[in-house]
Amino acid sequence: MNVLFRLAYRCAYAAARVWWFVRRPRTLGAMVALWSDGQLLLVRSSYRDRYYSLPGGFVKRGETPREAAARELAEELHVSVPAGVLGLAWQGSVRFEHRDDAITVWEVRIDSRPTIRVDGREIVWAGWKTPAEARTLRLLPHLHQYLASR
């Protein structure tokens, strides 16, 4: 069943890329940098599995970027963090996938690592990496810039 969900995500992503190519939109997204013991929680999605990223996604209408970051973390990994504890760590805009992608990265440090649940549908992998380990991976441009700013 997960194979069908992953296929649906890949098809939707391919269609979105065509739309972005035609429209060249400005998008707004939010990501969470969850830190524990000097390691950062990274994810890989089923539709963009060549890149490592942070949990996150698009900001919905009527939602703040901070709220979006907390929502995405809960949706993608079943980790609940109150939006109020997220601190703004980086913001910028990158031309990526034919769109002007404005992203905010919200940071939180935790003492004990939560149980991470990867559904195998949208998110296919999650794991903890040091910044040095992360820099050796193929990162989304926003994540690369966030790490470079630290």
C-alpha atoms as a PDB file:
ATOM      1  CA  MET A   1       0.000   0.000   0.000  1.00  0.00           C
ATOM      2  CA  ASN A   2       2.862   2.400   0.805  1.00  0.00           C
ATOM      3  CA  VAL A   3       4.156   1.885  -2.738  1.00  0.00           C
ATOM      4  CA  LEU A   4       0.937   3.412  -4.099  1.00  0.00           C
ATOM      5  CA  PHE A   5       1.214   6.396  -1.752  1.00  0.00           C
ATOM      6  CA  ARG A   6       4.830   6.974  -2.767  1.00  0.00           C
ATOM      7  CA  LEU A   7       3.817   6.785  -6.430  1.00  0.00           C
ATOM      8  CA  ALA A   8       1.044   9.323  -5.809  1.00  0.00           C
ATOM      9  CA  TYR A   9       3.500  11.674  -4.067  1.00  0.00           C
ATOM     10  CA  ARG A  10       5.976  11.370  -6.955  1.00  0.00           C
ATOM     11  CA  CYS A  11       3.269  12.049  -9.560  1.00  0.00           C
ATOM     12  CA  ALA A  12       1.958  15.065  -7.631  1.00  0.00           C
ATOM     13  CA  TYR A  13       5.509  16.375  -7.225  1.00  0.00           C
ATOM     14  CA  ALA A  14       6.204  15.965 -10.959  1.00  0.00           C
ATOM     15  CA  ALA A  15       3.000  17.837 -11.782  1.00  0.00           C
ATOM     16  CA  ALA A  16       3.908  20.596  -9.316  1.00  0.00           C
ATOM     17  CA  ARG A  17       7.334  20.979 -10.939  1.00  0.00           C
ATOM     18  CA  VAL A  18       5.706  21.436 -14.346  1.00  0.00           C
ATOM     19  CA  TRP A  19       3.353  24.029 -12.846  1.00  0.00           C
ATOM     20  CA  TRP A  20       6.278  25.822 -11.194  1.00  0.00           C
ATOM     21  CA  PHE A  21       8.156  25.820 -14.492  1.00  0.00           C
ATOM     22  CA  VAL A  22       5.211  27.499 -16.220  1.00  0.00           C
ATOM     23  CA  ARG A  23       4.217  29.924 -13.438  1.00  0.00           C
ATOM     24  CA  ARG A  24       7.590  30.650 -11.727  1.00  0.00           C
ATOM     25  CA  PRO A  25       5.810  31.293  -8.402  1.00  0.00           C
ATOM     26  CA  ARG A  26       7.040  32.582  -5.087  1.00  0.00           C
ATOM     27  CA  THR A  27       6.419  29.949  -2.420  1.00  0.00           C
ATOM     28  CA  LEU A  28       6.617  30.205   1.352  1.00  0.00           C
ATOM     29  CA  GLY A  29       7.802  27.302   3.452  1.00  0.00           C
ATOM     30  CA  ALA A  30       8.914  26.516   6.981  1.00  0.00           C
ATOM     31  CA  MET A  31      11.288  23.882   8.322  1.00  0.00           C
ATOM     32  CA  VAL A  32      12.277  22.658  11.777  1.00  0.00           C
ATOM     33  CA  ALA A  33      15.868  22.097  12.837  1.00  0.00           C
ATOM     34  CA  LEU A  34      15.480  19.679  15.743  1.00  0.00           C
ATOM     35  CA  TRP A  35      18.779  19.361  17.649  1.00  0.00           C
ATOM     36  CA  SER A  36      19.790  16.806  20.266  1.00  0.00           C
ATOM     37  CA  ASP A  37      23.289  16.195  21.630  1.00  0.00           C
ATOM     38  CA  GLY A  38      24.901  18.142  18.785  1.00  0.00           C
ATOM     39  CA  GLN A  39      23.037  16.201  16.111  1.00  0.00           C
ATOM     40  CA  LEU A  40      20.370  17.407  13.717  1.00  0.00           C
ATOM     41  CA  LEU A  41      17.321  15.419  12.650  1.00  0.00           C
ATOM     42  CA  LEU A  42      17.292  15.013   8.859  1.00  0.00           C
ATOM     43  CA  VAL A  43      14.665  13.466   6.605  1.00  0.00           C
ATOM     44  CA  ARG A  44      14.334  12.154   3.057  1.00  0.00           C
ATOM     45  CA  SER A  45      11.027  12.265   1.245  1.00  0.00           C
ATOM     46  CA  SER A  46       9.651   9.698  -1.158  1.00  0.00           C
ATOM     47  CA  TYR A  47       9.230  12.227  -3.967  1.00  0.00           C
ATOM     48  CA  ARG A  48      12.624  13.918  -3.612  1.00  0.00           C
ATOM     49  CA  ASP A  49      14.689  11.031  -2.319  1.00  0.00           C
ATOM     50  CA  ARG A  50      18.012  12.239  -3.719  1.00  0.00           C
ATOM     51  CA  TYR A  51      18.107  15.096  -1.196  1.00  0.00           C
ATOM     52  CA  TYR A  52      18.236  15.284   2.561  1.00  0.00           C
ATOM     53  CA  SER A  53      16.159  17.948   4.211  1.00  0.00           C
ATOM     54  CA  LEU A  54      14.604  19.083   7.444  1.00  0.00           C
ATOM     55  CA  PRO A  55      11.019  18.281   8.376  1.00  0.00           C
ATOM     56  CA  GLY A  56       8.860  21.003   6.882  1.00  0.00           C
ATOM     57  CA  GLY A  57       6.635  22.163   4.090  1.00  0.00           C
ATOM     58  CA  PHE A  58       4.505  24.961   2.715  1.00  0.00           C
ATOM     59  CA  VAL A  59       2.823  27.543   4.935  1.00  0.00           C
ATOM     60  CA  LYS A  60      -0.967  27.313   4.674  1.00  0.00           C
ATOM     61  CA  ARG A  61      -3.238  30.338   4.354  1.00  0.00           C
ATOM     62  CA  GLY A  62      -3.933  31.883   7.768  1.00  0.00           C
ATOM     63  CA  GLU A  63      -0.967  30.115   9.335  1.00  0.00           C
ATOM     64  CA  THR A  64       2.288  31.655  10.524  1.00  0.00           C
ATOM     65  CA  PRO A  65       5.566  30.100   9.401  1.00  0.00           C
ATOM     66  CA  ARG A  66       6.246  29.076  13.012  1.00  0.00           C
ATOM     67  CA  GLU A  67       2.869  27.317  13.225  1.00  0.00           C
ATOM     68  CA  ALA A  68       3.511  25.647   9.865  1.00  0.00           C
ATOM     69  CA  ALA A  69       6.876  24.339  11.059  1.00  0.00           C
ATOM     70  CA  ALA A  70       5.340  22.796  14.191  1.00  0.00           C
ATOM     71  CA  ARG A  71       2.455  21.324  12.154  1.00  0.00           C
ATOM     72  CA  GLU A  72       4.786  19.795   9.558  1.00  0.00           C
ATOM     73  CA  LEU A  73       6.979  18.206  12.238  1.00  0.00           C
ATOM     74  CA  ALA A  74       3.894  16.586  13.768  1.00  0.00           C
ATOM     75  CA  GLU A  75       2.475  15.495  10.406  1.00  0.00           C
ATOM     76  CA  GLU A  76       5.702  14.085   9.006  1.00  0.00           C
ATOM     77  CA  LEU A  77       7.290  12.464  12.051  1.00  0.00           C
ATOM     78  CA  HIS A  78       4.583  12.446  14.761  1.00  0.00           C
ATOM     79  CA  VAL A  79       6.732  14.680  16.967  1.00  0.00           C
ATOM     80  CA  SER A  80       4.799  17.389  18.789  1.00  0.00           C
ATOM     81  CA  VAL A  81       6.593  20.594  19.696  1.00  0.00           C
ATOM     82  CA  PRO A  82       4.677  23.700  20.765  1.00  0.00           C
ATOM     83  CA  ALA A  83       5.132  26.400  18.131  1.00  0.00           C
ATOM     84  CA  GLY A  84       6.101  28.878  20.839  1.00  0.00           C
ATOM     85  CA  VAL A  85       9.347  27.041  21.653  1.00  0.00           C
ATOM     86  CA  LEU A  86      10.626  27.297  18.077  1.00  0.00           C
ATOM     87  CA  GLY A  87      13.195  30.042  17.598  1.00  0.00           C
ATOM     88  CA  LEU A  88      13.899  31.644  14.240  1.00  0.00           C
ATOM     89  CA  ALA A  89      17.315  30.406  13.113  1.00  0.00           C
ATOM     90  CA  TRP A  90      17.525  31.263   9.405  1.00  0.00           C
ATOM     91  CA  GLN A  91      15.435  32.809   6.686  1.00  0.00           C
ATOM     92  CA  GLY A  92      16.136  33.309   3.052  1.00  0.00           C
ATOM     93  CA  SER A  93      14.980  32.858  -0.480  1.00  0.00           C
ATOM     94  CA  VAL A  94      16.471  30.477  -3.017  1.00  0.00           C
ATOM     95  CA  ARG A  95      15.638  29.981  -6.682  1.00  0.00           C
ATOM     96  CA  PHE A  96      14.956  26.251  -6.712  1.00  0.00           C
ATOM     97  CA  GLU A  97      12.872  24.016  -8.941  1.00  0.00           C
ATOM     98  CA  HIS A  98      11.718  26.989 -11.047  1.00  0.00           C
ATOM     99  CA  ARG A  99      10.309  28.900  -8.094  1.00  0.00           C
ATOM    100  CA  ASP A 100      11.432  31.578  -5.705  1.00  0.00           C
ATOM    101  CA  ASP A 101      11.330  29.511  -2.526  1.00  0.00           C
ATOM    102  CA  ALA A 102      11.272  31.644   0.637  1.00  0.00           C
ATOM    103  CA  ILE A 103      11.984  29.508   3.695  1.00  0.00           C
ATOM    104  CA  THR A 104      12.237  30.044   7.414  1.00  0.00           C
ATOM    105  CA  VAL A 105      14.120  27.525   9.525  1.00  0.00           C
ATOM    106  CA  TRP A 106      12.928  27.261  13.112  1.00  0.00           C
ATOM    107  CA  GLU A 107      15.223  25.719  15.671  1.00  0.00           C
ATOM    108  CA  VAL A 108      14.630  23.814  18.891  1.00  0.00           C
ATOM    109  CA  ARG A 109      17.000  21.885  21.120  1.00  0.00           C
ATOM    110  CA  ILE A 110      15.726  18.902  23.058  1.00  0.00           C
ATOM    111  CA  ASP A 111      17.273  16.934  25.920  1.00  0.00           C
ATOM    112  CA  SER A 112      15.820  13.531  25.117  1.00  0.00           C
ATOM    113  CA  ARG A 113      15.161  12.273  21.630  1.00  0.00           C
ATOM    114  CA  PRO A 114      11.543  11.570  20.836  1.00  0.00           C
ATOM    115  CA  THR A 115      10.322   8.442  19.106  1.00  0.00           C
ATOM    116  CA  ILE A 116      10.388   9.191  15.392  1.00  0.00           C
ATOM    117  CA  ARG A 117       7.682   7.547  13.290  1.00  0.00           C
ATOM    118  CA  VAL A 118       8.366   7.460   9.563  1.00  0.00           C
ATOM    119  CA  ASP A 119       5.253   6.444   7.641  1.00  0.00           C
ATOM    120  CA  GLY A 120       7.085   5.227   4.531  1.00  0.00           C
ATOM    121  CA  ARG A 121       4.732   7.263   2.386  1.00  0.00           C
ATOM    122  CA  GLU A 122       5.806  10.908   2.286  1.00  0.00           C
ATOM    123  CA  ILE A 123       8.858  10.492   4.515  1.00  0.00           C
ATOM    124  CA  VAL A 124      10.941   7.397   3.855  1.00  0.00           C
ATOM    125  CA  TRP A 125      13.897   8.020   6.177  1.00  0.00           C
ATOM    126  CA  ALA A 126      14.751  10.075   9.260  1.00  0.00           C
ATOM    127  CA  GLY A 127      17.964  10.104  11.242  1.00  0.00           C
ATOM    128  CA  TRP A 128      20.329  12.138  13.366  1.00  0.00           C
ATOM    129  CA  LYS A 129      23.523  13.579  11.876  1.00  0.00           C
ATOM    130  CA  THR A 130      26.209  15.918  13.126  1.00  0.00           C
ATOM    131  CA  PRO A 131      26.629  19.099  11.058  1.00  0.00           C
ATOM    132  CA  ALA A 132      29.863  17.664   9.619  1.00  0.00           C
ATOM    133  CA  GLU A 133      28.106  14.436   8.600  1.00  0.00           C
ATOM    134  CA  ALA A 134      25.196  16.405   7.130  1.00  0.00           C
ATOM    135  CA  ARG A 135      27.515  18.543   5.007  1.00  0.00           C
ATOM    136  CA  THR A 136      28.758  15.393   3.244  1.00  0.00           C
ATOM    137  CA  LEU A 137      25.220  14.583   2.059  1.00  0.00           C
ATOM    138  CA  ARG A 138      23.252  16.004  -0.846  1.00  0.00           C
ATOM    139  CA  LEU A 139      21.233  18.701   0.916  1.00  0.00           C
ATOM    140  CA  LEU A 140      18.417  20.935  -0.248  1.00  0.00           C
ATOM    141  CA  PRO A 141      19.802  24.448  -0.872  1.00  0.00           C
ATOM    142  CA  HIS A 142      17.986  25.919   2.148  1.00  0.00           C
ATOM    143  CA  LEU A 143      19.455  23.360   4.491  1.00  0.00           C
ATOM    144  CA  HIS A 144      22.914  23.875   3.025  1.00  0.00           C
ATOM    145  CA  GLN A 145      22.647  27.635   3.612  1.00  0.00           C
ATOM    146  CA  TYR A 146      21.253  27.166   7.120  1.00  0.00           C
ATOM    147  CA  LEU A 147      24.186  24.931   8.076  1.00  0.00           C
ATOM    148  CA  ALA A 148      26.664  27.332   6.460  1.00  0.00           C
ATOM    149  CA  SER A 149      25.280  30.164   8.614  1.00  0.00           C
ATOM    150  CA  ARG A 150      25.913  28.292  11.887  1.00  0.00           C
END
